[in-house]
């Protein structure tokens, strides 16, 4: 597989960096059921550029059914960049003639993505207090960007119905999740004008620089249109705090800083109660996803121990839901 990728990149190199350009240091970074990520250096006559290739290698797995194509992901990155949001800037969207399949190339951004390091490593001590406000500012920029054609629009009740259907089919019986489904249906906020959403904006999908803070927003494949409070609530889900439950925004900040940054960057004022609703819905969704990951292992469909390890985290979502309900959600 690496030979095929290297061959395609070598053919493309002169177009991207001029005659005589070449590719060095090709390295597989990560993968999944249908996606690969590769880092490489593009060496031209006058410059060396660190780049990242993201490519799809197989049809999307069933659980990826709402993922956007890499062409749409490229359009999202371009739109967010134009709106001022920090992204890994798009360099090239692959064409059939490139021999790379469905793929795109972006610039490689330096920083840390591991959530536990971001909330605890002394290297980030100085920048952590700034991150929640930065996240609010960045989300305002993303929400102001024009969405590419064809993105789905989802509201709270539609999202609840989708995940409740999955939960019912699983046969699971979790009293806290049952209560959350019923309560969130009763108190669903009225719909608002939909905006472009990142869809997975959380600690773990943010590249953090120890001096500047957020240097790039990554992983756009779950983008859609909907309530802006959905993105604001998702980063506050307890599972993305990596042990810092006292700091609700990503394990590094506070609600008021997130919302202040959002308004300061041009976003509309959003009540904290609406953010807390979407936080609860986010915890409920992640709880159902955790159940499904365990079920795939228990049924023998998946052999990786990663699935049951994630599956046991359903308890984290239940703790978050109980806390929110006790506090008057």
C-alpha atoms as a PDB file:
ATOM      1  CA  UNK A   1       0.000   0.000   0.000  1.00  0.00           C
ATOM      2  CA  UNK A   2       2.818   2.446   0.822  1.00  0.00           C
ATOM      3  CA  UNK A   3       4.328   1.847  -2.628  1.00  0.00           C
ATOM      4  CA  UNK A   4       1.054   2.804  -4.293  1.00  0.00           C
ATOM      5  CA  UNK A   5       0.731   5.972  -2.209  1.00  0.00           C
ATOM      6  CA  UNK A   6       4.360   6.955  -2.792  1.00  0.00           C
ATOM      7  CA  UNK A   7       4.028   6.393  -6.536  1.00  0.00           C
ATOM      8  CA  UNK A   8       0.938   8.610  -6.717  1.00  0.00           C
ATOM      9  CA  UNK A   9       2.537  11.376  -4.676  1.00  0.00           C
ATOM     10  CA  UNK A  10       5.753  11.268  -6.714  1.00  0.00           C
ATOM     11  CA  UNK A  11       3.727  11.757  -9.910  1.00  0.00           C
ATOM     12  CA  UNK A  12       1.909  14.685  -8.335  1.00  0.00           C
ATOM     13  CA  UNK A  13       4.989  16.351  -6.800  1.00  0.00           C
ATOM     14  CA  UNK A  14       6.083  18.406  -9.877  1.00  0.00           C
ATOM     15  CA  UNK A  15       2.591  19.883 -10.191  1.00  0.00           C
ATOM     16  CA  UNK A  16       2.583  20.958  -6.541  1.00  0.00           C
ATOM     17  CA  UNK A  17       6.194  22.132  -6.153  1.00  0.00           C
ATOM     18  CA  UNK A  18       7.694  22.542  -9.615  1.00  0.00           C
ATOM     19  CA  UNK A  19       9.914  20.523 -11.899  1.00  0.00           C
ATOM     20  CA  UNK A  20      12.219  18.112 -10.107  1.00  0.00           C
ATOM     21  CA  UNK A  21      10.139  18.058  -6.910  1.00  0.00           C
ATOM     22  CA  UNK A  22      10.073  14.822  -4.933  1.00  0.00           C
ATOM     23  CA  UNK A  23       8.512  13.178  -1.903  1.00  0.00           C
ATOM     24  CA  UNK A  24      10.459  12.168   1.203  1.00  0.00           C
ATOM     25  CA  UNK A  25       9.697  10.646   4.599  1.00  0.00           C
ATOM     26  CA  UNK A  26       6.350   9.038   3.757  1.00  0.00           C
ATOM     27  CA  UNK A  27       4.879   7.733   7.020  1.00  0.00           C
ATOM     28  CA  UNK A  28       1.517   6.201   7.893  1.00  0.00           C
ATOM     29  CA  UNK A  29       0.026   8.094  10.835  1.00  0.00           C
ATOM     30  CA  UNK A  30      -3.279   6.429  11.514  1.00  0.00           C
ATOM     31  CA  UNK A  31      -6.055   4.473   9.954  1.00  0.00           C
ATOM     32  CA  UNK A  32      -9.443   2.910  10.397  1.00  0.00           C
ATOM     33  CA  UNK A  33     -11.949   0.729   8.667  1.00  0.00           C
ATOM     34  CA  UNK A  34     -11.971   2.880   5.550  1.00  0.00           C
ATOM     35  CA  UNK A  35      -9.510   5.770   5.983  1.00  0.00           C
ATOM     36  CA  UNK A  36      -5.739   6.288   5.967  1.00  0.00           C
ATOM     37  CA  UNK A  37      -3.629   9.291   6.968  1.00  0.00           C
ATOM     38  CA  UNK A  38      -0.056   9.728   5.706  1.00  0.00           C
ATOM     39  CA  UNK A  39       2.568  12.377   6.488  1.00  0.00           C
ATOM     40  CA  UNK A  40       5.258  13.288   3.989  1.00  0.00           C
ATOM     41  CA  UNK A  41       7.650  16.047   2.986  1.00  0.00           C
ATOM     42  CA  UNK A  42       7.324  17.662  -0.434  1.00  0.00           C
ATOM     43  CA  UNK A  43      10.809  18.766  -1.517  1.00  0.00           C
ATOM     44  CA  UNK A  44      10.946  21.473  -4.178  1.00  0.00           C
ATOM     45  CA  UNK A  45      13.753  23.537  -5.600  1.00  0.00           C
ATOM     46  CA  UNK A  46      13.359  26.291  -2.996  1.00  0.00           C
ATOM     47  CA  UNK A  47      11.294  24.814  -0.169  1.00  0.00           C
ATOM     48  CA  UNK A  48      10.392  21.783   1.917  1.00  0.00           C
ATOM     49  CA  UNK A  49       6.705  21.525   2.849  1.00  0.00           C
ATOM     50  CA  UNK A  50       5.352  19.133   5.466  1.00  0.00           C
ATOM     51  CA  UNK A  51       2.032  17.803   4.211  1.00  0.00           C
ATOM     52  CA  UNK A  52      -0.642  15.254   5.125  1.00  0.00           C
ATOM     53  CA  UNK A  53      -2.529  12.950   2.771  1.00  0.00           C
ATOM     54  CA  UNK A  54      -5.941  11.725   3.869  1.00  0.00           C
ATOM     55  CA  UNK A  55      -7.481   9.020   1.682  1.00  0.00           C
ATOM     56  CA  UNK A  56     -10.403   6.632   1.708  1.00  0.00           C
ATOM     57  CA  UNK A  57      -9.437   3.052   0.932  1.00  0.00           C
ATOM     58  CA  UNK A  58     -12.748   1.222   1.233  1.00  0.00           C
ATOM     59  CA  UNK A  59     -16.480   1.957   1.273  1.00  0.00           C
ATOM     60  CA  UNK A  60     -17.645   3.607   4.468  1.00  0.00           C
ATOM     61  CA  UNK A  61     -18.544   1.277   7.316  1.00  0.00           C
ATOM     62  CA  UNK A  62     -22.203   1.380   8.471  1.00  0.00           C
ATOM     63  CA  UNK A  63     -21.359   3.509  11.520  1.00  0.00           C
ATOM     64  CA  UNK A  64     -19.764   6.061   9.189  1.00  0.00           C
ATOM     65  CA  UNK A  65     -22.968   6.527   7.212  1.00  0.00           C
ATOM     66  CA  UNK A  66     -23.215  10.215   8.078  1.00  0.00           C
ATOM     67  CA  UNK A  67     -19.621  11.002   7.161  1.00  0.00           C
ATOM     68  CA  UNK A  68     -19.134  13.446   4.309  1.00  0.00           C
ATOM     69  CA  UNK A  69     -16.989  12.705   1.274  1.00  0.00           C
ATOM     70  CA  UNK A  70     -13.392  13.889   1.220  1.00  0.00           C
ATOM     71  CA  UNK A  71     -14.331  16.342  -1.540  1.00  0.00           C
ATOM     72  CA  UNK A  72     -16.926  17.862   0.804  1.00  0.00           C
ATOM     73  CA  UNK A  73     -14.401  17.796   3.641  1.00  0.00           C
ATOM     74  CA  UNK A  74     -11.992  19.746   1.406  1.00  0.00           C
ATOM     75  CA  UNK A  75     -14.733  22.304   0.696  1.00  0.00           C
ATOM     76  CA  UNK A  76     -15.438  22.613   4.425  1.00  0.00           C
ATOM     77  CA  UNK A  77     -11.777  23.218   5.223  1.00  0.00           C
ATOM     78  CA  UNK A  78     -11.596  25.869   2.508  1.00  0.00           C
ATOM     79  CA  UNK A  79     -14.770  27.609   3.735  1.00  0.00           C
ATOM     80  CA  UNK A  80     -13.600  27.583   7.364  1.00  0.00           C
ATOM     81  CA  UNK A  81     -10.200  28.949   6.366  1.00  0.00           C
ATOM     82  CA  UNK A  82     -11.855  31.770   4.413  1.00  0.00           C
ATOM     83  CA  UNK A  83     -13.922  32.594   7.519  1.00  0.00           C
ATOM     84  CA  UNK A  84     -10.744  32.925   9.596  1.00  0.00           C
ATOM     85  CA  UNK A  85     -10.872  29.632  11.496  1.00  0.00           C
ATOM     86  CA  UNK A  86      -7.547  27.847  12.050  1.00  0.00           C
ATOM     87  CA  UNK A  87      -7.372  24.730   9.875  1.00  0.00           C
ATOM     88  CA  UNK A  88      -4.856  22.481   8.186  1.00  0.00           C
ATOM     89  CA  UNK A  89      -5.005  24.408   4.907  1.00  0.00           C
ATOM     90  CA  UNK A  90      -6.030  22.504   1.787  1.00  0.00           C
ATOM     91  CA  UNK A  91      -3.249  22.000  -0.777  1.00  0.00           C
ATOM     92  CA  UNK A  92      -4.807  19.612  -3.281  1.00  0.00           C
ATOM     93  CA  UNK A  93      -8.011  17.653  -3.851  1.00  0.00           C
ATOM     94  CA  UNK A  94      -7.105  14.421  -5.620  1.00  0.00           C
ATOM     95  CA  UNK A  95      -8.423  13.689  -9.114  1.00  0.00           C
ATOM     96  CA  UNK A  96      -8.905  10.236 -10.638  1.00  0.00           C
ATOM     97  CA  UNK A  97      -5.775  10.719 -12.750  1.00  0.00           C
ATOM     98  CA  UNK A  98      -3.638  11.152  -9.613  1.00  0.00           C
ATOM     99  CA  UNK A  99      -3.995   7.476  -8.736  1.00  0.00           C
ATOM    100  CA  UNK A 100      -4.617   8.168  -5.057  1.00  0.00           C
ATOM    101  CA  UNK A 101      -8.317   7.396  -4.972  1.00  0.00           C
ATOM    102  CA  UNK A 102     -10.661   9.602  -2.921  1.00  0.00           C
ATOM    103  CA  UNK A 103      -8.144  11.821  -1.138  1.00  0.00           C
ATOM    104  CA  UNK A 104      -6.965  15.292  -0.294  1.00  0.00           C
ATOM    105  CA  UNK A 105      -3.685  16.865   0.823  1.00  0.00           C
ATOM    106  CA  UNK A 106      -3.365  19.515   3.524  1.00  0.00           C
ATOM    107  CA  UNK A 107      -0.513  21.282   5.241  1.00  0.00           C
ATOM    108  CA  UNK A 108       0.776  19.618   8.368  1.00  0.00           C
ATOM    109  CA  UNK A 109       0.198  21.684  11.500  1.00  0.00           C
ATOM    110  CA  UNK A 110       2.456  21.347  14.534  1.00  0.00           C
ATOM    111  CA  UNK A 111       0.973  20.760  17.967  1.00  0.00           C
ATOM    112  CA  UNK A 112      -0.644  18.229  20.283  1.00  0.00           C
ATOM    113  CA  UNK A 113      -3.980  16.453  19.811  1.00  0.00           C
ATOM    114  CA  UNK A 114      -3.987  14.009  22.732  1.00  0.00           C
ATOM    115  CA  UNK A 115      -6.660  15.293  25.096  1.00  0.00           C
ATOM    116  CA  UNK A 116      -5.124  13.931  28.280  1.00  0.00           C
ATOM    117  CA  UNK A 117      -1.826  15.675  27.555  1.00  0.00           C
ATOM    118  CA  UNK A 118      -3.587  18.933  26.721  1.00  0.00           C
ATOM    119  CA  UNK A 119      -5.375  19.007  30.090  1.00  0.00           C
ATOM    120  CA  UNK A 120      -2.446  17.846  32.242  1.00  0.00           C
ATOM    121  CA  UNK A 121       0.956  18.302  30.588  1.00  0.00           C
ATOM    122  CA  UNK A 122       2.931  21.213  32.128  1.00  0.00           C
ATOM    123  CA  UNK A 123       3.835  22.351  28.596  1.00  0.00           C
ATOM    124  CA  UNK A 124       0.276  23.639  28.158  1.00  0.00           C
ATOM    125  CA  UNK A 125      -0.122  25.228  31.593  1.00  0.00           C
ATOM    126  CA  UNK A 126       0.250  28.805  30.298  1.00  0.00           C
ATOM    127  CA  UNK A 127      -2.113  28.420  27.363  1.00  0.00           C
ATOM    128  CA  UNK A 128      -4.883  26.330  28.960  1.00  0.00           C
ATOM    129  CA  UNK A 129      -6.763  29.320  30.471  1.00  0.00           C
ATOM    130  CA  UNK A 130      -7.119  30.817  26.967  1.00  0.00           C
ATOM    131  CA  UNK A 131      -8.450  27.738  25.202  1.00  0.00           C
ATOM    132  CA  UNK A 132     -12.153  27.919  26.107  1.00  0.00           C
ATOM    133  CA  UNK A 133     -12.467  31.487  24.814  1.00  0.00           C
ATOM    134  CA  UNK A 134     -10.500  30.573  21.687  1.00  0.00           C
ATOM    135  CA  UNK A 135     -12.875  27.692  21.076  1.00  0.00           C
ATOM    136  CA  UNK A 136     -15.849  30.043  21.297  1.00  0.00           C
ATOM    137  CA  UNK A 137     -14.234  32.441  18.836  1.00  0.00           C
ATOM    138  CA  UNK A 138     -13.397  29.660  16.395  1.00  0.00           C
ATOM    139  CA  UNK A 139     -16.901  28.207  16.529  1.00  0.00           C
ATOM    140  CA  UNK A 140     -18.354  31.638  15.722  1.00  0.00           C
ATOM    141  CA  UNK A 141     -16.112  31.756  12.649  1.00  0.00           C
ATOM    142  CA  UNK A 142     -17.108  28.257  11.537  1.00  0.00           C
ATOM    143  CA  UNK A 143     -20.809  28.973  12.055  1.00  0.00           C
ATOM    144  CA  UNK A 144     -20.530  32.107   9.912  1.00  0.00           C
ATOM    145  CA  UNK A 145     -19.036  30.193   6.963  1.00  0.00           C
ATOM    146  CA  UNK A 146     -21.308  29.233   4.044  1.00  0.00           C
ATOM    147  CA  UNK A 147     -21.982  25.477   4.064  1.00  0.00           C
ATOM    148  CA  UNK A 148     -21.039  23.477   0.964  1.00  0.00           C
ATOM    149  CA  UNK A 149     -23.985  22.142  -1.045  1.00  0.00           C
ATOM    150  CA  UNK A 150     -25.601  18.904   0.045  1.00  0.00           C
ATOM    151  CA  UNK A 151     -24.916  18.966   3.782  1.00  0.00           C
ATOM    152  CA  UNK A 152     -27.668  17.462   5.914  1.00  0.00           C
ATOM    153  CA  UNK A 153     -29.601  19.580   8.401  1.00  0.00           C
ATOM    154  CA  UNK A 154     -30.449  17.966  11.744  1.00  0.00           C
ATOM    155  CA  UNK A 155     -32.412  19.296  14.716  1.00  0.00           C
ATOM    156  CA  UNK A 156     -32.572  18.051  18.299  1.00  0.00           C
ATOM    157  CA  UNK A 157     -35.668  15.872  17.990  1.00  0.00           C
ATOM    158  CA  UNK A 158     -34.382  14.236  14.802  1.00  0.00           C
ATOM    159  CA  UNK A 159     -31.085  13.450  16.527  1.00  0.00           C
ATOM    160  CA  UNK A 160     -32.883  12.032  19.561  1.00  0.00           C
ATOM    161  CA  UNK A 161     -35.090   9.861  17.342  1.00  0.00           C
ATOM    162  CA  UNK A 162     -32.097   8.512  15.415  1.00  0.00           C
ATOM    163  CA  UNK A 163     -30.180   7.481  18.516  1.00  0.00           C
ATOM    164  CA  UNK A 164     -33.237   6.141  20.313  1.00  0.00           C
ATOM    165  CA  UNK A 165     -33.906   3.848  17.349  1.00  0.00           C
ATOM    166  CA  UNK A 166     -30.339   2.509  17.567  1.00  0.00           C
ATOM    167  CA  UNK A 167     -30.667   2.109  21.334  1.00  0.00           C
ATOM    168  CA  UNK A 168     -33.995   0.229  21.107  1.00  0.00           C
ATOM    169  CA  UNK A 169     -32.648  -2.154  18.475  1.00  0.00           C
ATOM    170  CA  UNK A 170     -29.673  -2.950  20.699  1.00  0.00           C
ATOM    171  CA  UNK A 171     -31.886  -4.455  23.407  1.00  0.00           C
ATOM    172  CA  UNK A 172     -29.960  -2.600  26.106  1.00  0.00           C
ATOM    173  CA  UNK A 173     -31.709  -1.583  29.317  1.00  0.00           C
ATOM    174  CA  UNK A 174     -29.953   1.361  30.953  1.00  0.00           C
ATOM    175  CA  UNK A 175     -32.273   3.320  33.296  1.00  0.00           C
ATOM    176  CA  UNK A 176     -30.301   6.578  33.076  1.00  0.00           C
ATOM    177  CA  UNK A 177     -30.344   6.514  29.276  1.00  0.00           C
ATOM    178  CA  UNK A 178     -34.072   5.706  29.311  1.00  0.00           C
ATOM    179  CA  UNK A 179     -34.719   8.687  31.558  1.00  0.00           C
ATOM    180  CA  UNK A 180     -32.551  10.954  29.421  1.00  0.00           C
ATOM    181  CA  UNK A 181     -34.393  10.046  26.209  1.00  0.00           C
ATOM    182  CA  UNK A 182     -37.769  10.837  27.750  1.00  0.00           C
ATOM    183  CA  UNK A 183     -36.660  14.031  29.484  1.00  0.00           C
ATOM    184  CA  UNK A 184     -34.787  15.490  26.509  1.00  0.00           C
ATOM    185  CA  UNK A 185     -37.796  14.926  24.261  1.00  0.00           C
ATOM    186  CA  UNK A 186     -39.986  16.866  26.706  1.00  0.00           C
ATOM    187  CA  UNK A 187     -37.672  19.876  27.048  1.00  0.00           C
ATOM    188  CA  UNK A 188     -36.304  20.138  23.487  1.00  0.00           C
ATOM    189  CA  UNK A 189     -35.672  23.818  22.669  1.00  0.00           C
ATOM    190  CA  UNK A 190     -37.485  25.386  19.708  1.00  0.00           C
ATOM    191  CA  UNK A 191     -35.531  25.136  16.440  1.00  0.00           C
ATOM    192  CA  UNK A 192     -33.335  28.028  15.295  1.00  0.00           C
ATOM    193  CA  UNK A 193     -31.952  28.994  11.898  1.00  0.00           C
ATOM    194  CA  UNK A 194     -29.395  26.281  11.019  1.00  0.00           C
ATOM    195  CA  UNK A 195     -25.716  27.124  10.554  1.00  0.00           C
ATOM    196  CA  UNK A 196     -22.669  25.178   9.400  1.00  0.00           C
ATOM    197  CA  UNK A 197     -21.535  22.887  12.219  1.00  0.00           C
ATOM    198  CA  UNK A 198     -18.211  21.130  12.603  1.00  0.00           C
ATOM    199  CA  UNK A 199     -20.068  18.187  14.115  1.00  0.00           C
ATOM    200  CA  UNK A 200     -17.204  16.793  16.236  1.00  0.00           C
ATOM    201  CA  UNK A 201     -15.649  19.894  17.806  1.00  0.00           C
ATOM    202  CA  UNK A 202     -13.980  18.621  20.980  1.00  0.00           C
ATOM    203  CA  UNK A 203     -10.722  18.165  22.819  1.00  0.00           C
ATOM    204  CA  UNK A 204      -8.997  15.481  20.773  1.00  0.00           C
ATOM    205  CA  UNK A 205      -9.930  17.011  17.419  1.00  0.00           C
ATOM    206  CA  UNK A 206      -8.070  20.254  18.115  1.00  0.00           C
ATOM    207  CA  UNK A 207      -4.375  20.771  17.429  1.00  0.00           C
ATOM    208  CA  UNK A 208      -2.983  22.724  20.382  1.00  0.00           C
ATOM    209  CA  UNK A 209       0.244  24.720  20.305  1.00  0.00           C
ATOM    210  CA  UNK A 210       1.868  25.290  23.702  1.00  0.00           C
ATOM    211  CA  UNK A 211       2.251  29.025  23.038  1.00  0.00           C
ATOM    212  CA  UNK A 212      -0.547  30.022  20.654  1.00  0.00           C
ATOM    213  CA  UNK A 213      -3.344  27.716  21.735  1.00  0.00           C
ATOM    214  CA  UNK A 214      -5.598  26.227  19.064  1.00  0.00           C
ATOM    215  CA  UNK A 215      -3.568  25.986  15.868  1.00  0.00           C
ATOM    216  CA  UNK A 216      -5.999  23.889  13.816  1.00  0.00           C
ATOM    217  CA  UNK A 217      -9.442  22.289  13.915  1.00  0.00           C
ATOM    218  CA  UNK A 218      -9.243  18.738  12.550  1.00  0.00           C
ATOM    219  CA  UNK A 219     -11.607  15.929  11.469  1.00  0.00           C
ATOM    220  CA  UNK A 220     -14.439  17.542   9.528  1.00  0.00           C
ATOM    221  CA  UNK A 221     -16.108  14.341   8.352  1.00  0.00           C
ATOM    222  CA  UNK A 222     -19.193  14.699  10.599  1.00  0.00           C
ATOM    223  CA  UNK A 223     -20.024  18.265   9.541  1.00  0.00           C
ATOM    224  CA  UNK A 224     -23.666  19.131   8.941  1.00  0.00           C
ATOM    225  CA  UNK A 225     -26.046  22.048   9.482  1.00  0.00           C
ATOM    226  CA  UNK A 226     -28.037  22.664  12.629  1.00  0.00           C
ATOM    227  CA  UNK A 227     -28.316  24.468  15.966  1.00  0.00           C
ATOM    228  CA  UNK A 228     -25.087  26.362  16.815  1.00  0.00           C
ATOM    229  CA  UNK A 229     -25.457  25.231  20.438  1.00  0.00           C
ATOM    230  CA  UNK A 230     -24.808  21.658  19.260  1.00  0.00           C
ATOM    231  CA  UNK A 231     -21.116  22.394  18.637  1.00  0.00           C
ATOM    232  CA  UNK A 232     -20.853  24.436  21.839  1.00  0.00           C
ATOM    233  CA  UNK A 233     -22.421  21.640  23.881  1.00  0.00           C
ATOM    234  CA  UNK A 234     -20.374  18.821  22.350  1.00  0.00           C
ATOM    235  CA  UNK A 235     -17.023  20.133  23.586  1.00  0.00           C
ATOM    236  CA  UNK A 236     -18.520  20.229  27.098  1.00  0.00           C
ATOM    237  CA  UNK A 237     -19.433  16.536  27.240  1.00  0.00           C
ATOM    238  CA  UNK A 238     -17.795  14.953  30.276  1.00  0.00           C
ATOM    239  CA  UNK A 239     -16.021  12.284  28.209  1.00  0.00           C
ATOM    240  CA  UNK A 240     -13.953  14.976  26.439  1.00  0.00           C
ATOM    241  CA  UNK A 241     -12.615  16.441  29.705  1.00  0.00           C
ATOM    242  CA  UNK A 242     -10.093  13.637  30.228  1.00  0.00           C
ATOM    243  CA  UNK A 243     -10.423  13.505  33.990  1.00  0.00           C
ATOM    244  CA  UNK A 244     -10.932  17.244  34.611  1.00  0.00           C
ATOM    245  CA  UNK A 245     -14.652  17.206  35.393  1.00  0.00           C
ATOM    246  CA  UNK A 246     -14.275  20.568  37.168  1.00  0.00           C
ATOM    247  CA  UNK A 247     -13.469  22.281  33.848  1.00  0.00           C
ATOM    248  CA  UNK A 248     -16.516  21.653  31.657  1.00  0.00           C
ATOM    249  CA  UNK A 249     -15.133  23.015  28.390  1.00  0.00           C
ATOM    250  CA  UNK A 250     -12.789  20.306  27.129  1.00  0.00           C
ATOM    251  CA  UNK A 251     -11.222  19.786  30.551  1.00  0.00           C
ATOM    252  CA  UNK A 252      -9.472  23.153  30.266  1.00  0.00           C
ATOM    253  CA  UNK A 253     -12.030  25.951  30.670  1.00  0.00           C
ATOM    254  CA  UNK A 254     -15.402  27.334  31.746  1.00  0.00           C
ATOM    255  CA  UNK A 255     -18.753  27.891  30.084  1.00  0.00           C
ATOM    256  CA  UNK A 256     -18.630  31.661  30.484  1.00  0.00           C
ATOM    257  CA  UNK A 257     -15.332  31.930  28.606  1.00  0.00           C
ATOM    258  CA  UNK A 258     -16.620  29.731  25.767  1.00  0.00           C
ATOM    259  CA  UNK A 259     -19.779  31.818  25.371  1.00  0.00           C
ATOM    260  CA  UNK A 260     -17.960  35.145  25.742  1.00  0.00           C
ATOM    261  CA  UNK A 261     -15.530  34.175  22.986  1.00  0.00           C
ATOM    262  CA  UNK A 262     -18.416  33.123  20.768  1.00  0.00           C
ATOM    263  CA  UNK A 263     -20.176  36.496  21.087  1.00  0.00           C
ATOM    264  CA  UNK A 264     -16.934  38.499  20.806  1.00  0.00           C
ATOM    265  CA  UNK A 265     -16.232  36.855  17.434  1.00  0.00           C
ATOM    266  CA  UNK A 266     -19.665  37.725  16.056  1.00  0.00           C
ATOM    267  CA  UNK A 267     -21.772  34.789  17.168  1.00  0.00           C
ATOM    268  CA  UNK A 268     -25.280  35.289  18.487  1.00  0.00           C
ATOM    269  CA  UNK A 269     -25.892  35.186  22.225  1.00  0.00           C
ATOM    270  CA  UNK A 270     -26.810  31.632  23.206  1.00  0.00           C
ATOM    271  CA  UNK A 271     -28.262  30.884  26.667  1.00  0.00           C
ATOM    272  CA  UNK A 272     -26.236  28.498  28.784  1.00  0.00           C
ATOM    273  CA  UNK A 273     -29.395  26.414  29.235  1.00  0.00           C
ATOM    274  CA  UNK A 274     -29.401  25.657  25.508  1.00  0.00           C
ATOM    275  CA  UNK A 275     -25.741  24.645  25.593  1.00  0.00           C
ATOM    276  CA  UNK A 276     -26.443  22.374  28.577  1.00  0.00           C
ATOM    277  CA  UNK A 277     -29.301  20.745  26.676  1.00  0.00           C
ATOM    278  CA  UNK A 278     -26.976  19.891  23.780  1.00  0.00           C
ATOM    279  CA  UNK A 279     -24.304  18.766  26.238  1.00  0.00           C
ATOM    280  CA  UNK A 280     -26.810  16.301  27.672  1.00  0.00           C
ATOM    281  CA  UNK A 281     -27.851  15.170  24.209  1.00  0.00           C
ATOM    282  CA  UNK A 282     -24.175  14.775  23.317  1.00  0.00           C
ATOM    283  CA  UNK A 283     -23.572  12.609  26.387  1.00  0.00           C
ATOM    284  CA  UNK A 284     -26.599  10.505  25.521  1.00  0.00           C
ATOM    285  CA  UNK A 285     -25.425  10.043  21.923  1.00  0.00           C
ATOM    286  CA  UNK A 286     -21.921   9.068  23.016  1.00  0.00           C
ATOM    287  CA  UNK A 287     -23.399   6.654  25.537  1.00  0.00           C
ATOM    288  CA  UNK A 288     -25.330   4.903  22.768  1.00  0.00           C
ATOM    289  CA  UNK A 289     -22.208   4.826  20.590  1.00  0.00           C
ATOM    290  CA  UNK A 290     -20.252   3.226  23.441  1.00  0.00           C
ATOM    291  CA  UNK A 291     -22.935   0.559  23.805  1.00  0.00           C
ATOM    292  CA  UNK A 292     -22.731  -0.183  20.075  1.00  0.00           C
ATOM    293  CA  UNK A 293     -18.951  -0.495  20.215  1.00  0.00           C
ATOM    294  CA  UNK A 294     -19.162  -3.053  22.990  1.00  0.00           C
ATOM    295  CA  UNK A 295     -21.925  -4.907  21.142  1.00  0.00           C
ATOM    296  CA  UNK A 296     -19.754  -5.219  18.034  1.00  0.00           C
ATOM    297  CA  UNK A 297     -17.093  -6.928  20.145  1.00  0.00           C
ATOM    298  CA  UNK A 298     -19.502  -9.106  22.101  1.00  0.00           C
ATOM    299  CA  UNK A 299     -21.116 -10.362  18.883  1.00  0.00           C
ATOM    300  CA  UNK A 300     -17.753 -11.304  17.389  1.00  0.00           C
ATOM    301  CA  UNK A 301     -18.051  -8.758  14.571  1.00  0.00           C
ATOM    302  CA  UNK A 302     -14.942  -6.956  15.885  1.00  0.00           C
ATOM    303  CA  UNK A 303     -11.958  -8.574  17.593  1.00  0.00           C
ATOM    304  CA  UNK A 304     -10.054  -5.448  18.641  1.00  0.00           C
ATOM    305  CA  UNK A 305      -9.955  -4.805  22.391  1.00  0.00           C
ATOM    306  CA  UNK A 306     -10.362  -1.099  21.602  1.00  0.00           C
ATOM    307  CA  UNK A 307     -14.096  -1.618  21.100  1.00  0.00           C
ATOM    308  CA  UNK A 308     -14.910  -3.042  24.564  1.00  0.00           C
ATOM    309  CA  UNK A 309     -12.522  -0.553  26.183  1.00  0.00           C
ATOM    310  CA  UNK A 310     -14.514   2.305  24.674  1.00  0.00           C
ATOM    311  CA  UNK A 311     -17.757   0.478  25.381  1.00  0.00           C
ATOM    312  CA  UNK A 312     -17.213   0.554  29.138  1.00  0.00           C
ATOM    313  CA  UNK A 313     -17.176   4.366  28.983  1.00  0.00           C
ATOM    314  CA  UNK A 314     -20.963   4.443  28.806  1.00  0.00           C
ATOM    315  CA  UNK A 315     -20.777   4.924  32.590  1.00  0.00           C
ATOM    316  CA  UNK A 316     -19.059   8.294  32.050  1.00  0.00           C
ATOM    317  CA  UNK A 317     -22.005   9.497  30.000  1.00  0.00           C
ATOM    318  CA  UNK A 318     -24.442   8.329  32.646  1.00  0.00           C
ATOM    319  CA  UNK A 319     -22.544  10.273  35.322  1.00  0.00           C
ATOM    320  CA  UNK A 320     -22.711  13.401  33.173  1.00  0.00           C
ATOM    321  CA  UNK A 321     -26.443  12.924  32.563  1.00  0.00           C
ATOM    322  CA  UNK A 322     -27.206  12.369  36.259  1.00  0.00           C
ATOM    323  CA  UNK A 323     -25.204  15.486  37.190  1.00  0.00           C
ATOM    324  CA  UNK A 324     -27.059  17.611  34.627  1.00  0.00           C
ATOM    325  CA  UNK A 325     -30.457  16.282  35.722  1.00  0.00           C
ATOM    326  CA  UNK A 326     -29.688  16.869  39.409  1.00  0.00           C
ATOM    327  CA  UNK A 327     -28.652  20.432  38.582  1.00  0.00           C
ATOM    328  CA  UNK A 328     -32.024  21.168  37.012  1.00  0.00           C
ATOM    329  CA  UNK A 329     -31.629  20.434  33.300  1.00  0.00           C
END
